[in-house]
PDB file of all heavy atoms in Angstrom:
ATOM      1  N   GLY A   1      -6.987  60.857  39.480  1.00  0.00           N
ATOM      2  CA  GLY A   1      -7.397  59.479  39.848  1.00  0.00           C
ATOM      3  C   GLY A   1      -6.598  58.333  39.379  1.00  0.00           C
ATOM      4  O   GLY A   1      -6.657  57.174  39.940  1.00  0.00           O
ATOM      5  N   LYS A   2      -5.729  58.537  38.378  1.00  0.00           N
ATOM      6  CA  LYS A   2      -4.934  57.392  37.875  1.00  0.00           C
ATOM      7  C   LYS A   2      -4.069  56.633  38.798  1.00  0.00           C
ATOM      8  O   LYS A   2      -3.816  55.461  38.652  1.00  0.00           O
ATOM      9  CB  LYS A   2      -4.240  57.796  36.605  1.00  0.00           C
ATOM     10  CG  LYS A   2      -3.106  58.734  36.875  1.00  0.00           C
ATOM     11  CD  LYS A   2      -2.482  59.214  35.432  1.00  0.00           C
ATOM     12  CE  LYS A   2      -1.348  60.041  35.659  1.00  0.00           C
ATOM     13  NZ  LYS A   2      -0.617  60.460  34.330  1.00  0.00           N
ATOM     14  N   SER A   3      -3.497  57.373  39.733  1.00  0.00           N
ATOM     15  CA  SER A   3      -2.589  56.858  40.656  1.00  0.00           C
ATOM     16  C   SER A   3      -3.276  55.726  41.601  1.00  0.00           C
ATOM     17  O   SER A   3      -2.625  54.898  42.209  1.00  0.00           O
ATOM     18  CB  SER A   3      -1.966  57.821  41.537  1.00  0.00           C
ATOM     19  OG  SER A   3      -2.953  58.498  42.354  1.00  0.00           O
ATOM     20  N   SER A   4      -4.604  55.797  41.639  1.00  0.00           N
ATOM     21  CA  SER A   4      -5.334  54.843  42.355  1.00  0.00           C
ATOM     22  C   SER A   4      -5.238  53.407  41.839  1.00  0.00           C
ATOM     23  O   SER A   4      -5.572  52.440  42.457  1.00  0.00           O
ATOM     24  CB  SER A   4      -6.853  55.208  42.570  1.00  0.00           C
ATOM     25  OG  SER A   4      -6.961  56.443  43.232  1.00  0.00           O
ATOM     26  N   PHE A   5      -4.909  53.319  40.597  1.00  0.00           N
ATOM     27  CA  PHE A   5      -4.898  51.989  39.868  1.00  0.00           C
ATOM     28  C   PHE A   5      -3.506  51.524  39.482  1.00  0.00           C
ATOM     29  O   PHE A   5      -3.361  50.725  38.701  1.00  0.00           O
ATOM     30  CB  PHE A   5      -5.785  52.077  38.729  1.00  0.00           C
ATOM     31  CG  PHE A   5      -7.129  52.681  38.908  1.00  0.00           C
ATOM     32  CD1 PHE A   5      -7.615  53.897  38.650  1.00  0.00           C
ATOM     33  CD2 PHE A   5      -8.115  51.790  39.574  1.00  0.00           C
ATOM     34  CE1 PHE A   5      -8.707  54.467  39.049  1.00  0.00           C
ATOM     35  CE2 PHE A   5      -9.385  52.349  39.869  1.00  0.00           C
ATOM     36  CZ  PHE A   5      -9.670  53.617  39.640  1.00  0.00           C
ATOM     37  N   ALA A   6      -2.560  52.060  40.308  1.00  0.00           N
ATOM     38  CA  ALA A   6      -1.134  51.527  40.077  1.00  0.00           C
ATOM     39  C   ALA A   6      -1.001  50.300  40.803  1.00  0.00           C
ATOM     40  O   ALA A   6      -0.991  50.221  42.050  1.00  0.00           O
ATOM     41  CB  ALA A   6      -0.195  52.622  40.568  1.00  0.00           C
ATOM     42  N   GLY A   7      -0.900  49.200  40.097  1.00  0.00           N
ATOM     43  CA  GLY A   7      -0.739  47.864  40.682  1.00  0.00           C
ATOM     44  C   GLY A   7       0.740  47.417  40.503  1.00  0.00           C
ATOM     45  O   GLY A   7       1.454  47.963  39.666  1.00  0.00           O
ATOM     46  N   PRO A   8       1.111  46.411  41.265  1.00  0.00           N
ATOM     47  CA  PRO A   8       2.511  45.938  41.173  1.00  0.00           C
ATOM     48  C   PRO A   8       2.707  45.240  39.833  1.00  0.00           C
ATOM     49  O   PRO A   8       1.894  44.627  39.240  1.00  0.00           O
ATOM     50  CB  PRO A   8       2.547  44.884  42.325  1.00  0.00           C
ATOM     51  CG  PRO A   8       1.173  44.429  42.485  1.00  0.00           C
ATOM     52  CD  PRO A   8       0.282  45.711  42.223  1.00  0.00           C
ATOM     53  N   GLU A   9       3.872  45.509  39.246  1.00  0.00           N
ATOM     54  CA  GLU A   9       4.249  44.744  38.063  1.00  0.00           C
ATOM     55  C   GLU A   9       4.577  43.288  38.259  1.00  0.00           C
ATOM     56  O   GLU A   9       5.004  42.917  39.308  1.00  0.00           O
ATOM     57  CB  GLU A   9       5.488  45.484  37.421  1.00  0.00           C
ATOM     58  CG  GLU A   9       5.283  46.928  37.043  1.00  0.00           C
ATOM     59  CD  GLU A   9       6.469  47.510  36.439  1.00  0.00           C
ATOM     60  OE1 GLU A   9       7.617  46.855  36.400  1.00  0.00           O
ATOM     61  OE2 GLU A   9       6.415  48.745  36.016  1.00  0.00           O
ATOM     62  N   ILE A  10       4.172  42.432  37.214  1.00  0.00           N
ATOM     63  CA  ILE A  10       4.456  41.068  37.313  1.00  0.00           C
ATOM     64  C   ILE A  10       5.942  40.640  37.250  1.00  0.00           C
ATOM     65  O   ILE A  10       6.304  39.633  37.651  1.00  0.00           O
ATOM     66  CB  ILE A  10       3.628  40.228  36.390  1.00  0.00           C
ATOM     67  CG1 ILE A  10       3.923  40.542  34.990  1.00  0.00           C
ATOM     68  CG2 ILE A  10       2.088  40.467  36.667  1.00  0.00           C
ATOM     69  CD1 ILE A  10       3.224  39.665  33.980  1.00  0.00           C
ATOM     70  N   LYS A  11       6.737  41.539  36.598  1.00  0.00           N
ATOM     71  CA  LYS A  11       8.136  41.307  36.471  1.00  0.00           C
ATOM     72  C   LYS A  11       8.740  41.216  37.900  1.00  0.00           C
ATOM     73  O   LYS A  11       8.548  41.934  38.727  1.00  0.00           O
ATOM     74  CB  LYS A  11       8.829  42.381  35.633  1.00  0.00           C
ATOM     75  CG  LYS A  11      10.374  42.143  35.443  1.00  0.00           C
ATOM     76  CD  LYS A  11      10.944  43.318  34.599  1.00  0.00           C
ATOM     77  CE  LYS A  11      12.369  43.029  34.281  1.00  0.00           C
ATOM     78  NZ  LYS A  11      13.035  44.155  33.520  1.00  0.00           N
ATOM     79  N   GLY A  12       9.584  40.102  37.958  1.00  0.00           N
ATOM     80  CA  GLY A  12      10.215  39.798  39.286  1.00  0.00           C
ATOM     81  C   GLY A  12       9.427  38.970  40.193  1.00  0.00           C
ATOM     82  O   GLY A  12       9.959  38.475  41.284  1.00  0.00           O
ATOM     83  N   LYS A  13       8.121  38.746  39.976  1.00  0.00           N
ATOM     84  CA  LYS A  13       7.269  37.847  40.796  1.00  0.00           C
ATOM     85  C   LYS A  13       7.495  36.459  40.360  1.00  0.00           C
ATOM     86  O   LYS A  13       8.013  36.112  39.341  1.00  0.00           O
ATOM     87  CB  LYS A  13       5.763  38.346  40.625  1.00  0.00           C
ATOM     88  CG  LYS A  13       5.529  39.701  41.069  1.00  0.00           C
ATOM     89  CD  LYS A  13       5.758  39.930  42.474  1.00  0.00           C
ATOM     90  CE  LYS A  13       5.260  41.311  42.939  1.00  0.00           C
ATOM     91  NZ  LYS A  13       5.950  42.466  42.289  1.00  0.00           N
ATOM     92  N   THR A  14       7.048  35.607  41.247  1.00  0.00           N
ATOM     93  CA  THR A  14       7.209  34.120  41.092  1.00  0.00           C
ATOM     94  C   THR A  14       5.833  33.450  40.838  1.00  0.00           C
ATOM     95  O   THR A  14       4.832  33.783  41.658  1.00  0.00           O
ATOM     96  CB  THR A  14       7.840  33.437  42.209  1.00  0.00           C
ATOM     97  OG1 THR A  14       9.186  33.966  42.439  1.00  0.00           O
ATOM     98  CG2 THR A  14       7.966  31.901  42.036  1.00  0.00           C
ATOM     99  N   MET A  15       5.720  32.765  39.737  1.00  0.00           N
ATOM    100  CA  MET A  15       4.470  32.084  39.444  1.00  0.00           C
ATOM    101  C   MET A  15       4.633  30.519  39.738  1.00  0.00           C
ATOM    102  O   MET A  15       5.525  29.899  39.227  1.00  0.00           O
ATOM    103  CB  MET A  15       4.035  32.356  37.952  1.00  0.00           C
ATOM    104  CG  MET A  15       2.854  31.464  37.604  1.00  0.00           C
ATOM    105  SD  MET A  15       2.302  31.655  35.837  1.00  0.00           S
ATOM    106  CE  MET A  15       1.815  33.414  35.829  1.00  0.00           C
ATOM    107  N   GLY A  16       3.749  30.036  40.524  1.00  0.00           N
ATOM    108  CA  GLY A  16       3.726  28.604  40.756  1.00  0.00           C
ATOM    109  C   GLY A  16       2.846  27.861  39.626  1.00  0.00           C
ATOM    110  O   GLY A  16       1.757  28.193  39.526  1.00  0.00           O
ATOM    111  N   VAL A  17       3.426  26.957  39.053  1.00  0.00           N
ATOM    112  CA  VAL A  17       2.724  26.304  37.974  1.00  0.00           C
ATOM    113  C   VAL A  17       2.507  24.812  38.343  1.00  0.00           C
ATOM    114  O   VAL A  17       3.378  24.056  38.780  1.00  0.00           O
ATOM    115  CB  VAL A  17       3.565  26.255  36.648  1.00  0.00           C
ATOM    116  CG1 VAL A  17       2.893  25.424  35.547  1.00  0.00           C
ATOM    117  CG2 VAL A  17       3.921  27.619  36.247  1.00  0.00           C
ATOM    118  N   VAL A  18       1.187  24.512  38.582  1.00  0.00           N
ATOM    119  CA  VAL A  18       0.860  23.142  38.973  1.00  0.00           C
ATOM    120  C   VAL A  18       0.498  22.191  37.845  1.00  0.00           C
ATOM    121  O   VAL A  18      -0.459  22.447  37.162  1.00  0.00           O
ATOM    122  CB  VAL A  18      -0.366  23.246  40.023  1.00  0.00           C
ATOM    123  CG1 VAL A  18      -0.813  21.828  40.476  1.00  0.00           C
ATOM    124  CG2 VAL A  18      -0.149  24.150  41.107  1.00  0.00           C
ATOM    125  N   GLY A  19       1.367  21.332  37.541  1.00  0.00           N
ATOM    126  CA  GLY A  19       1.118  20.473  36.376  1.00  0.00           C
ATOM    127  C   GLY A  19       1.894  20.910  35.227  1.00  0.00           C
ATOM    128  O   GLY A  19       1.650  21.934  34.593  1.00  0.00           O
ATOM    129  N   MET A  20       2.977  20.283  34.847  1.00  0.00           N
ATOM    130  CA  MET A  20       3.873  20.664  33.765  1.00  0.00           C
ATOM    131  C   MET A  20       3.599  19.849  32.451  1.00  0.00           C
ATOM    132  O   MET A  20       4.528  19.166  31.855  1.00  0.00           O
ATOM    133  CB  MET A  20       5.308  20.581  34.050  1.00  0.00           C
ATOM    134  CG  MET A  20       6.269  21.185  33.245  1.00  0.00           C
ATOM    135  SD  MET A  20       5.989  23.077  33.100  1.00  0.00           S
ATOM    136  CE  MET A  20       6.428  23.680  34.654  1.00  0.00           C
ATOM    137  N   GLY A  21       2.231  19.932  32.043  1.00  0.00           N
ATOM    138  CA  GLY A  21       1.943  19.352  30.805  1.00  0.00           C
ATOM    139  C   GLY A  21       2.082  20.451  29.638  1.00  0.00           C
ATOM    140  O   GLY A  21       2.870  21.340  29.785  1.00  0.00           O
ATOM    141  N   ALA A  22       1.382  20.183  28.575  1.00  0.00           N
ATOM    142  CA  ALA A  22       1.532  21.068  27.345  1.00  0.00           C
ATOM    143  C   ALA A  22       1.275  22.586  27.797  1.00  0.00           C
ATOM    144  O   ALA A  22       1.948  23.417  27.298  1.00  0.00           O
ATOM    145  CB  ALA A  22       0.659  20.618  26.261  1.00  0.00           C
ATOM    146  N   ILE A  23       0.150  22.717  28.569  1.00  0.00           N
ATOM    147  CA  ILE A  23      -0.260  24.069  28.919  1.00  0.00           C
ATOM    148  C   ILE A  23       0.776  24.587  29.872  1.00  0.00           C
ATOM    149  O   ILE A  23       1.256  25.805  29.816  1.00  0.00           O
ATOM    150  CB  ILE A  23      -1.671  24.068  29.511  1.00  0.00           C
ATOM    151  CG1 ILE A  23      -2.686  23.678  28.442  1.00  0.00           C
ATOM    152  CG2 ILE A  23      -1.987  25.410  30.103  1.00  0.00           C
ATOM    153  CD1 ILE A  23      -4.114  23.417  29.021  1.00  0.00           C
ATOM    154  N   GLY A  24       1.092  23.905  30.947  1.00  0.00           N
ATOM    155  CA  GLY A  24       2.006  24.348  31.977  1.00  0.00           C
ATOM    156  C   GLY A  24       3.349  24.714  31.396  1.00  0.00           C
ATOM    157  O   GLY A  24       3.859  25.720  31.946  1.00  0.00           O
ATOM    158  N   LYS A  25       3.843  24.027  30.442  1.00  0.00           N
ATOM    159  CA  LYS A  25       5.112  24.395  29.884  1.00  0.00           C
ATOM    160  C   LYS A  25       5.084  25.739  29.147  1.00  0.00           C
ATOM    161  O   LYS A  25       5.952  26.573  29.309  1.00  0.00           O
ATOM    162  CB  LYS A  25       5.486  23.293  28.828  1.00  0.00           C
ATOM    163  CG  LYS A  25       5.953  21.961  29.526  1.00  0.00           C
ATOM    164  CD  LYS A  25       6.299  20.939  28.551  1.00  0.00           C
ATOM    165  CE  LYS A  25       6.691  19.562  29.156  1.00  0.00           C
ATOM    166  NZ  LYS A  25       6.919  18.553  28.165  1.00  0.00           N
ATOM    167  N   LEU A  26       4.062  26.013  28.379  1.00  0.00           N
ATOM    168  CA  LEU A  26       3.910  27.223  27.714  1.00  0.00           C
ATOM    169  C   LEU A  26       3.564  28.439  28.642  1.00  0.00           C
ATOM    170  O   LEU A  26       4.220  29.391  28.442  1.00  0.00           O
ATOM    171  CB  LEU A  26       2.702  27.143  26.684  1.00  0.00           C
ATOM    172  CG  LEU A  26       2.847  26.293  25.455  1.00  0.00           C
ATOM    173  CD1 LEU A  26       1.642  26.329  24.614  1.00  0.00           C
ATOM    174  CD2 LEU A  26       4.041  26.730  24.634  1.00  0.00           C
ATOM    175  N   VAL A  27       2.889  28.147  29.712  1.00  0.00           N
ATOM    176  CA  VAL A  27       2.760  29.179  30.810  1.00  0.00           C
ATOM    177  C   VAL A  27       3.998  29.560  31.412  1.00  0.00           C
ATOM    178  O   VAL A  27       4.384  30.772  31.572  1.00  0.00           O
ATOM    179  CB  VAL A  27       1.700  28.715  31.844  1.00  0.00           C
ATOM    180  CG1 VAL A  27       1.671  29.648  33.025  1.00  0.00           C
ATOM    181  CG2 VAL A  27       0.253  28.594  31.216  1.00  0.00           C
TER     182      VAL A  27
END
């Protein structure tokens, strides 16, 4: 059953950051 939970890796994906304050910069 473990193959049913293979999700895409986040490496290589693009994250949109809305607001580049103290939190946004760290994210």
